[in-house]
Amino acid sequence: MDLQQKKKILIVRFSSIGDIVLTTPVIRCLKLQTGAEIHFLTKQNYQSIIQSNPYIDKIWTIEKTVSEIGKALKNENFDLIIDLHKNLRTLHLRFILNVKTLSFNKLNFEKWLMVKFKINRLPKFIS
């Protein structure tokens, strides 16, 4: 995917404090490398963490349901969504917006197997 062609990007991370702080390098690099208009969607309680970030053009907050904010976001015509939360709510939002999305595998099923049944299907990083 050529990110240089993307002019309007929505980054999604609903919570929590540390996770939102860790998104700041992603925001900075995207803005500096693409020059795109960067929007960020989070919960209202966490908005203050990023409100002074000079690389974010607009902050959106989710108050109640994904459907409500989805209607407003649909009108923005984003070129790309970067889903840094990746859960059922963000999947619902991605469905509503119907925009190309980048996300990552959080290995939730593998973590659940490990915790509940001590079955380790997590990838080995060091051998």
N, C-alpha and C. Protein backbone atom coordinates (compact mmCIF):
# COMPACT_ATOMS: atom_id res chain seq x y z
N MET A 1 0.83 -1.17 0.00
CA MET A 1 0.00 0.00 0.00
C MET A 1 0.88 1.24 0.00
N ASP A 2 0.59 2.15 -0.88
CA ASP A 2 1.34 3.40 -0.98
C ASP A 2 0.68 4.45 -0.09
N LEU A 3 1.26 4.69 1.06
CA LEU A 3 0.69 5.66 2.00
C LEU A 3 0.79 7.09 1.47
N GLN A 4 1.69 7.34 0.53
CA GLN A 4 1.81 8.68 -0.03
C GLN A 4 0.54 9.11 -0.75
N GLN A 5 -0.24 8.15 -1.22
CA GLN A 5 -1.48 8.44 -1.93
C GLN A 5 -2.64 8.74 -0.99
N LYS A 6 -2.47 8.47 0.29
CA LYS A 6 -3.53 8.66 1.28
C LYS A 6 -3.50 10.10 1.77
N LYS A 7 -4.61 10.79 1.60
CA LYS A 7 -4.67 12.20 1.96
C LYS A 7 -5.40 12.46 3.27
N LYS A 8 -6.24 11.51 3.69
CA LYS A 8 -7.02 11.69 4.92
C LYS A 8 -7.07 10.36 5.66
N ILE A 9 -6.47 10.32 6.85
CA ILE A 9 -6.31 9.07 7.59
C ILE A 9 -6.96 9.20 8.96
N LEU A 10 -7.72 8.16 9.33
CA LEU A 10 -8.31 8.08 10.67
C LEU A 10 -7.55 7.04 11.48
N ILE A 11 -7.02 7.45 12.63
CA ILE A 11 -6.37 6.53 13.56
C ILE A 11 -7.35 6.28 14.69
N VAL A 12 -7.54 5.00 15.03
CA VAL A 12 -8.50 4.62 16.06
C VAL A 12 -7.78 3.95 17.22
N ARG A 13 -7.92 4.55 18.40
CA ARG A 13 -7.48 3.93 19.66
C ARG A 13 -8.38 4.51 20.75
N PHE A 14 -9.29 3.68 21.27
CA PHE A 14 -10.28 4.15 22.23
C PHE A 14 -9.70 4.41 23.62
N SER A 15 -8.79 3.59 24.08
CA SER A 15 -8.26 3.70 25.44
C SER A 15 -6.95 2.92 25.49
N SER A 16 -6.28 2.86 26.50
CA SER A 16 -6.23 3.57 27.75
C SER A 16 -5.04 4.50 27.72
N ILE A 17 -4.73 5.13 28.82
CA ILE A 17 -3.73 6.21 28.83
C ILE A 17 -2.40 5.80 28.18
N GLY A 18 -1.81 4.73 28.66
CA GLY A 18 -0.51 4.29 28.14
C GLY A 18 -0.57 3.90 26.68
N ASP A 19 -1.64 3.22 26.29
CA ASP A 19 -1.77 2.80 24.89
C ASP A 19 -1.92 3.99 23.96
N ILE A 20 -2.65 5.00 24.40
CA ILE A 20 -2.81 6.20 23.58
C ILE A 20 -1.49 6.95 23.47
N VAL A 21 -0.77 7.05 24.57
CA VAL A 21 0.55 7.70 24.53
C VAL A 21 1.46 6.97 23.54
N LEU A 22 1.39 5.65 23.52
CA LEU A 22 2.24 4.87 22.61
C LEU A 22 1.86 5.04 21.14
N THR A 23 0.72 5.63 20.84
CA THR A 23 0.35 5.88 19.44
C THR A 23 1.03 7.13 18.89
N THR A 24 1.60 7.96 19.75
CA THR A 24 2.14 9.23 19.27
C THR A 24 3.26 9.10 18.23
N PRO A 25 4.15 8.11 18.32
CA PRO A 25 5.13 7.98 17.23
C PRO A 25 4.48 7.62 15.89
N VAL A 26 3.41 6.83 15.94
CA VAL A 26 2.69 6.47 14.71
C VAL A 26 2.11 7.73 14.08
N ILE A 27 1.48 8.54 14.91
CA ILE A 27 0.86 9.78 14.43
C ILE A 27 1.92 10.69 13.80
N ARG A 28 3.01 10.90 14.52
CA ARG A 28 4.08 11.79 14.04
C ARG A 28 4.66 11.30 12.71
N CYS A 29 4.98 10.02 12.65
CA CYS A 29 5.59 9.47 11.42
C CYS A 29 4.63 9.55 10.24
N LEU A 30 3.36 9.24 10.47
CA LEU A 30 2.38 9.33 9.38
C LEU A 30 2.29 10.75 8.84
N LYS A 31 2.19 11.69 9.74
CA LYS A 31 2.06 13.09 9.32
C LYS A 31 3.29 13.56 8.56
N LEU A 32 4.47 13.26 9.10
CA LEU A 32 5.71 13.74 8.47
C LEU A 32 6.01 13.03 7.15
N GLN A 33 5.68 11.75 7.05
CA GLN A 33 6.01 11.00 5.84
C GLN A 33 4.97 11.14 4.74
N THR A 34 3.71 11.36 5.11
CA THR A 34 2.66 11.42 4.09
C THR A 34 2.10 12.81 3.88
N GLY A 35 2.19 13.66 4.90
CA GLY A 35 1.56 14.97 4.82
C GLY A 35 0.05 14.90 4.85
N ALA A 36 -0.49 13.74 5.17
CA ALA A 36 -1.94 13.53 5.16
C ALA A 36 -2.61 14.29 6.30
N GLU A 37 -3.89 14.51 6.13
CA GLU A 37 -4.72 15.06 7.20
C GLU A 37 -5.00 13.91 8.18
N ILE A 38 -4.59 14.07 9.43
CA ILE A 38 -4.70 13.00 10.42
C ILE A 38 -5.83 13.30 11.39
N HIS A 39 -6.77 12.36 11.47
CA HIS A 39 -7.86 12.42 12.45
C HIS A 39 -7.64 11.29 13.44
N PHE A 40 -8.07 11.49 14.68
CA PHE A 40 -7.87 10.50 15.74
C PHE A 40 -9.19 10.30 16.46
N LEU A 41 -9.59 9.04 16.64
CA LEU A 41 -10.82 8.70 17.35
C LEU A 41 -10.49 8.00 18.65
N THR A 42 -11.01 8.54 19.76
CA THR A 42 -10.78 7.96 21.08
C THR A 42 -12.01 8.21 21.95
N LYS A 43 -11.99 7.70 23.16
CA LYS A 43 -13.05 8.01 24.13
C LYS A 43 -12.82 9.42 24.67
N GLN A 44 -13.91 10.08 25.04
CA GLN A 44 -13.82 11.46 25.51
C GLN A 44 -12.88 11.60 26.71
N ASN A 45 -12.87 10.62 27.60
CA ASN A 45 -12.02 10.68 28.79
C ASN A 45 -10.53 10.77 28.46
N TYR A 46 -10.14 10.33 27.27
CA TYR A 46 -8.72 10.28 26.90
C TYR A 46 -8.32 11.37 25.90
N GLN A 47 -9.26 12.19 25.52
CA GLN A 47 -9.01 13.24 24.53
C GLN A 47 -7.89 14.19 24.95
N SER A 48 -7.82 14.51 26.23
CA SER A 48 -6.83 15.48 26.70
C SER A 48 -5.39 15.01 26.51
N ILE A 49 -5.20 13.70 26.40
CA ILE A 49 -3.85 13.15 26.22
C ILE A 49 -3.24 13.60 24.89
N ILE A 50 -4.10 13.72 23.88
CA ILE A 50 -3.59 14.01 22.53
C ILE A 50 -4.01 15.37 21.99
N GLN A 51 -4.78 16.13 22.76
CA GLN A 51 -5.33 17.38 22.21
C GLN A 51 -4.26 18.41 21.83
N SER A 52 -3.08 18.32 22.40
CA SER A 52 -2.01 19.27 22.05
C SER A 52 -1.03 18.70 21.04
N ASN A 53 -1.32 17.53 20.50
CA ASN A 53 -0.42 16.91 19.53
C ASN A 53 -0.48 17.70 18.22
N PRO A 54 0.63 18.29 17.79
CA PRO A 54 0.61 19.13 16.58
C PRO A 54 0.42 18.34 15.28
N TYR A 55 0.53 17.03 15.35
CA TYR A 55 0.41 16.21 14.15
C TYR A 55 -1.01 15.71 13.91
N ILE A 56 -1.93 16.01 14.81
CA ILE A 56 -3.33 15.61 14.67
C ILE A 56 -4.13 16.82 14.22
N ASP A 57 -4.86 16.65 13.11
CA ASP A 57 -5.67 17.74 12.58
C ASP A 57 -7.04 17.83 13.24
N LYS A 58 -7.59 16.68 13.62
CA LYS A 58 -8.92 16.69 14.25
C LYS A 58 -9.04 15.48 15.18
N ILE A 59 -9.62 15.72 16.36
CA ILE A 59 -9.88 14.64 17.31
C ILE A 59 -11.38 14.40 17.37
N TRP A 60 -11.75 13.13 17.23
CA TRP A 60 -13.14 12.69 17.36
C TRP A 60 -13.25 11.90 18.65
N THR A 61 -14.39 12.03 19.32
CA THR A 61 -14.59 11.24 20.53
C THR A 61 -15.84 10.39 20.40
N ILE A 62 -15.76 9.21 20.95
CA ILE A 62 -16.90 8.31 20.95
C ILE A 62 -17.58 8.47 22.30
N GLU A 63 -18.86 8.80 22.28
CA GLU A 63 -19.62 9.04 23.50
C GLU A 63 -20.38 7.79 23.92
N LYS A 64 -21.18 7.26 23.01
CA LYS A 64 -22.04 6.13 23.36
C LYS A 64 -21.80 4.94 22.44
N THR A 65 -22.33 5.02 21.23
CA THR A 65 -22.24 3.87 20.34
C THR A 65 -21.39 4.18 19.11
N VAL A 66 -20.87 3.14 18.53
CA VAL A 66 -20.09 3.27 17.30
C VAL A 66 -20.99 3.76 16.16
N SER A 67 -22.24 3.33 16.15
CA SER A 67 -23.16 3.73 15.09
C SER A 67 -23.33 5.24 15.03
N GLU A 68 -23.41 5.89 16.20
CA GLU A 68 -23.59 7.35 16.23
C GLU A 68 -22.39 8.07 15.63
N ILE A 69 -21.20 7.75 16.06
CA ILE A 69 -20.01 8.42 15.55
C ILE A 69 -19.73 7.99 14.11
N GLY A 70 -20.12 6.77 13.77
CA GLY A 70 -19.91 6.25 12.42
C GLY A 70 -20.58 7.10 11.36
N LYS A 71 -21.77 7.60 11.67
CA LYS A 71 -22.50 8.45 10.71
C LYS A 71 -21.72 9.73 10.42
N ALA A 72 -21.21 10.35 11.46
CA ALA A 72 -20.43 11.58 11.28
C ALA A 72 -19.12 11.31 10.54
N LEU A 73 -18.45 10.22 10.91
CA LEU A 73 -17.17 9.89 10.28
C LEU A 73 -17.33 9.51 8.81
N LYS A 74 -18.45 8.91 8.46
CA LYS A 74 -18.69 8.51 7.07
C LYS A 74 -18.63 9.72 6.14
N ASN A 75 -19.10 10.85 6.63
CA ASN A 75 -19.10 12.08 5.82
C ASN A 75 -17.70 12.64 5.59
N GLU A 76 -16.72 12.17 6.31
CA GLU A 76 -15.34 12.66 6.18
C GLU A 76 -14.59 12.06 4.99
N ASN A 77 -15.09 10.95 4.46
CA ASN A 77 -14.47 10.31 3.29
C ASN A 77 -12.98 10.02 3.49
N PHE A 78 -12.68 9.25 4.52
CA PHE A 78 -11.30 8.88 4.80
C PHE A 78 -10.74 7.98 3.71
N ASP A 79 -9.45 8.11 3.44
CA ASP A 79 -8.76 7.23 2.49
C ASP A 79 -8.27 5.96 3.18
N LEU A 80 -8.04 6.05 4.49
CA LEU A 80 -7.46 4.92 5.22
C LEU A 80 -7.83 5.01 6.69
N ILE A 81 -8.06 3.85 7.30
CA ILE A 81 -8.23 3.75 8.75
C ILE A 81 -7.06 2.94 9.27
N ILE A 82 -6.43 3.42 10.33
CA ILE A 82 -5.41 2.64 11.03
C ILE A 82 -6.01 2.28 12.38
N ASP A 83 -6.37 1.02 12.52
CA ASP A 83 -7.06 0.52 13.71
C ASP A 83 -6.03 -0.01 14.69
N LEU A 84 -5.73 0.78 15.71
CA LEU A 84 -4.76 0.38 16.72
C LEU A 84 -5.44 -0.22 17.95
N HIS A 85 -6.75 -0.39 17.89
CA HIS A 85 -7.48 -0.99 19.01
C HIS A 85 -7.90 -2.42 18.68
N LYS A 86 -8.46 -2.60 17.51
CA LYS A 86 -8.87 -3.90 16.95
C LYS A 86 -9.69 -4.73 17.94
N ASN A 87 -10.96 -4.36 18.04
CA ASN A 87 -11.92 -5.15 18.81
C ASN A 87 -13.25 -5.14 18.05
N LEU A 88 -14.31 -5.63 18.67
CA LEU A 88 -15.60 -5.70 17.97
C LEU A 88 -16.14 -4.31 17.62
N ARG A 89 -15.93 -3.34 18.49
CA ARG A 89 -16.41 -1.98 18.19
C ARG A 89 -15.69 -1.38 16.99
N THR A 90 -14.39 -1.57 16.91
CA THR A 90 -13.67 -1.01 15.77
C THR A 90 -13.99 -1.79 14.49
N LEU A 91 -14.26 -3.08 14.62
CA LEU A 91 -14.70 -3.86 13.46
C LEU A 91 -16.03 -3.32 12.95
N HIS A 92 -16.95 -3.01 13.86
CA HIS A 92 -18.24 -2.42 13.49
C HIS A 92 -18.02 -1.08 12.80
N LEU A 93 -17.15 -0.26 13.34
CA LEU A 93 -16.85 1.04 12.73
C LEU A 93 -16.27 0.88 11.33
N ARG A 94 -15.36 -0.04 11.18
CA ARG A 94 -14.76 -0.30 9.87
C ARG A 94 -15.82 -0.74 8.86
N PHE A 95 -16.78 -1.53 9.32
CA PHE A 95 -17.88 -1.97 8.46
C PHE A 95 -18.73 -0.77 8.03
N ILE A 96 -19.03 0.12 8.97
CA ILE A 96 -19.83 1.30 8.66
C ILE A 96 -19.12 2.19 7.65
N LEU A 97 -17.83 2.43 7.86
CA LEU A 97 -17.08 3.36 7.01
C LEU A 97 -16.68 2.75 5.67
N ASN A 98 -16.50 1.43 5.63
CA ASN A 98 -16.14 0.74 4.39
C ASN A 98 -14.92 1.39 3.71
N VAL A 99 -13.85 1.50 4.47
CA VAL A 99 -12.61 2.12 4.00
C VAL A 99 -11.47 1.13 4.21
N LYS A 100 -10.48 1.16 3.35
CA LYS A 100 -9.29 0.32 3.51
C LYS A 100 -8.72 0.54 4.90
N THR A 101 -8.37 -0.57 5.57
CA THR A 101 -7.92 -0.50 6.96
C THR A 101 -6.61 -1.26 7.15
N LEU A 102 -5.74 -0.68 7.97
CA LEU A 102 -4.55 -1.37 8.45
C LEU A 102 -4.75 -1.65 9.94
N SER A 103 -4.44 -2.87 10.35
CA SER A 103 -4.51 -3.22 11.77
C SER A 103 -3.47 -4.30 12.02
N PHE A 104 -3.52 -4.90 13.18
CA PHE A 104 -2.55 -5.93 13.51
C PHE A 104 -3.25 -7.04 14.27
N ASN A 105 -2.62 -8.19 14.31
CA ASN A 105 -3.16 -9.34 15.02
C ASN A 105 -2.74 -9.26 16.48
N LYS A 106 -3.72 -9.07 17.36
CA LYS A 106 -3.43 -8.97 18.80
C LYS A 106 -3.30 -10.34 19.47
N LEU A 107 -3.48 -11.39 18.71
CA LEU A 107 -3.33 -12.76 19.21
C LEU A 107 -4.24 -13.05 20.41
N ASN A 108 -5.45 -12.50 20.40
CA ASN A 108 -6.37 -12.69 21.53
C ASN A 108 -6.71 -14.15 21.76
N PHE A 109 -6.98 -14.90 20.70
CA PHE A 109 -7.32 -16.31 20.86
C PHE A 109 -6.14 -17.08 21.44
N GLU A 110 -4.96 -16.80 20.93
CA GLU A 110 -3.76 -17.48 21.42
C GLU A 110 -3.49 -17.14 22.89
N LYS A 111 -3.72 -15.89 23.27
CA LYS A 111 -3.54 -15.50 24.67
C LYS A 111 -4.58 -16.18 25.57
N TRP A 112 -5.81 -16.29 25.08
CA TRP A 112 -6.87 -16.96 25.83
C TRP A 112 -6.53 -18.43 26.05
N LEU A 113 -6.05 -19.12 25.01
CA LEU A 113 -5.64 -20.52 25.14
C LEU A 113 -4.55 -20.67 26.19
N MET A 114 -3.60 -19.76 26.19
CA MET A 114 -2.49 -19.83 27.14
C MET A 114 -2.98 -19.63 28.58
N VAL A 115 -3.83 -18.65 28.79
CA VAL A 115 -4.30 -18.34 30.14
C VAL A 115 -5.24 -19.42 30.66
N LYS A 116 -6.20 -19.85 29.84
CA LYS A 116 -7.22 -20.80 30.29
C LYS A 116 -6.72 -22.24 30.35
N PHE A 117 -5.95 -22.65 29.35
CA PHE A 117 -5.60 -24.06 29.21
C PHE A 117 -4.10 -24.34 29.18
N LYS A 118 -3.30 -23.30 29.32
CA LYS A 118 -1.84 -23.43 29.27
C LYS A 118 -1.35 -24.04 27.95
N ILE A 119 -2.10 -23.77 26.89
CA ILE A 119 -1.71 -24.20 25.55
C ILE A 119 -1.01 -23.00 24.90
N ASN A 120 0.25 -23.16 24.60
CA ASN A 120 1.04 -22.05 24.08
C ASN A 120 1.10 -22.10 22.56
N ARG A 121 0.28 -21.27 21.93
CA ARG A 121 0.32 -21.11 20.48
C ARG A 121 0.82 -19.73 20.10
N LEU A 122 1.39 -19.05 21.07
CA LEU A 122 1.95 -17.73 20.81
C LEU A 122 3.24 -17.87 20.01
N PRO A 123 3.50 -16.92 19.11
CA PRO A 123 4.73 -17.02 18.32
C PRO A 123 5.97 -16.89 19.20
N LYS A 124 7.00 -17.60 18.81
CA LYS A 124 8.26 -17.54 19.54
C LYS A 124 9.13 -16.46 18.91
N PHE A 125 9.53 -15.50 19.72
CA PHE A 125 10.35 -14.41 19.21
C PHE A 125 11.83 -14.69 19.38
N ILE A 126 12.16 -15.49 20.39
CA ILE A 126 13.55 -15.84 20.65
C ILE A 126 13.63 -17.36 20.76
N SER A 127 14.55 -17.95 20.04
CA SER A 127 14.67 -19.41 20.14
C SER A 127 16.07 -19.80 20.55
